[in-house]
């Protein structure tokens, strides 16, 4: 879960797919932004709502991935670490 992985996301052009790695977490590392599930777009909410509790790589278009400009923790039913790949 390297935080330097944002460079590949920023280089994706419009319409290209980007990947987010989602894992359940019980801790929030210092300096990592925390966002509420309700702050996400409907598309991003739908993708995270399908998370089954195991680490999951989610491929999506760069416009949705732009909501996660850096590694982030999302508060939903639990805390989910979203890393940009």
Protein backbone atom coordinates (compact mmCIF):
# COMPACT_ATOMS: atom_id res chain seq x y z
CA UNK A 1 0.00 0.00 0.00
CA UNK A 2 2.53 2.51 -1.13
CA UNK A 3 1.41 6.09 -1.17
CA UNK A 4 3.58 6.85 -4.19
CA UNK A 5 1.19 4.87 -6.41
CA UNK A 6 -0.83 7.99 -7.19
CA UNK A 7 1.45 8.80 -10.12
CA UNK A 8 -0.07 6.06 -12.29
CA UNK A 9 -3.56 7.39 -11.60
CA UNK A 10 -2.66 10.95 -12.48
CA UNK A 11 -1.19 9.80 -15.78
CA UNK A 12 -4.40 8.05 -16.87
CA UNK A 13 -6.21 9.97 -19.57
CA UNK A 14 -9.98 10.48 -19.64
CA UNK A 15 -11.82 7.21 -20.13
CA UNK A 16 -8.85 4.99 -19.28
CA UNK A 17 -9.34 2.59 -16.43
CA UNK A 18 -7.58 3.04 -13.12
CA UNK A 19 -7.46 0.64 -10.22
CA UNK A 20 -8.26 1.09 -6.56
CA UNK A 21 -7.31 -1.54 -4.01
CA UNK A 22 -9.91 -1.81 -1.24
CA UNK A 23 -9.20 -3.49 2.12
CA UNK A 24 -11.05 -3.44 5.42
CA UNK A 25 -9.02 -1.77 8.17
CA UNK A 26 -9.40 -1.12 11.87
CA UNK A 27 -6.91 1.72 12.04
CA UNK A 28 -6.46 5.03 10.28
CA UNK A 29 -2.79 5.90 9.75
CA UNK A 30 -1.76 9.46 10.61
CA UNK A 31 -2.10 11.81 7.68
CA UNK A 32 -4.45 9.58 5.66
CA UNK A 33 -7.65 11.42 4.71
CA UNK A 34 -10.95 9.98 5.93
CA UNK A 35 -14.07 10.44 3.79
CA UNK A 36 -17.65 9.55 4.52
CA UNK A 37 -19.33 7.12 2.13
CA UNK A 38 -22.02 9.77 1.57
CA UNK A 39 -19.42 12.18 0.14
CA UNK A 40 -18.69 9.85 -2.79
CA UNK A 41 -20.43 9.90 -6.16
CA UNK A 42 -23.23 7.41 -6.75
CA UNK A 43 -20.92 5.35 -8.99
CA UNK A 44 -18.16 5.14 -6.38
CA UNK A 45 -20.73 4.31 -3.68
CA UNK A 46 -22.07 1.45 -5.81
CA UNK A 47 -18.60 -0.01 -6.34
CA UNK A 48 -17.73 0.14 -2.64
CA UNK A 49 -21.15 -1.22 -1.60
CA UNK A 50 -20.28 -4.42 -3.47
CA UNK A 51 -17.12 -4.94 -1.38
CA UNK A 52 -17.29 -8.43 0.12
CA UNK A 53 -14.79 -8.00 2.96
CA UNK A 54 -11.75 -9.44 1.17
CA UNK A 55 -9.06 -7.36 -0.46
CA UNK A 56 -10.38 -6.35 -3.84
CA UNK A 57 -8.96 -4.55 -6.85
CA UNK A 58 -11.60 -2.34 -8.47
CA UNK A 59 -11.00 -1.16 -12.03
CA UNK A 60 -12.83 1.99 -12.99
CA UNK A 61 -12.62 4.95 -15.29
CA UNK A 62 -10.28 7.74 -14.32
CA UNK A 63 -13.13 10.20 -13.66
CA UNK A 64 -14.40 8.04 -10.77
CA UNK A 65 -10.87 7.28 -9.59
CA UNK A 66 -10.18 11.02 -9.38
CA UNK A 67 -12.31 11.03 -6.21
CA UNK A 68 -9.38 9.22 -4.61
CA UNK A 69 -6.46 11.50 -5.45
CA UNK A 70 -4.44 9.89 -2.69
CA UNK A 71 -4.72 6.84 -0.48
CA UNK A 72 -7.89 7.32 1.55
CA UNK A 73 -9.97 5.68 4.26
CA UNK A 74 -13.72 5.59 3.62
CA UNK A 75 -16.18 5.21 6.49
CA UNK A 76 -19.14 3.01 5.54
CA UNK A 77 -20.28 -0.01 7.56
CA UNK A 78 -16.58 -0.34 8.55
CA UNK A 79 -13.41 1.53 7.71
CA UNK A 80 -12.11 0.75 4.22
CA UNK A 81 -8.61 1.63 3.04
CA UNK A 82 -8.69 2.69 -0.62
CA UNK A 83 -5.24 2.71 -2.24
CA UNK A 84 -4.67 4.07 -5.71
CA UNK A 85 -2.86 1.76 -8.12
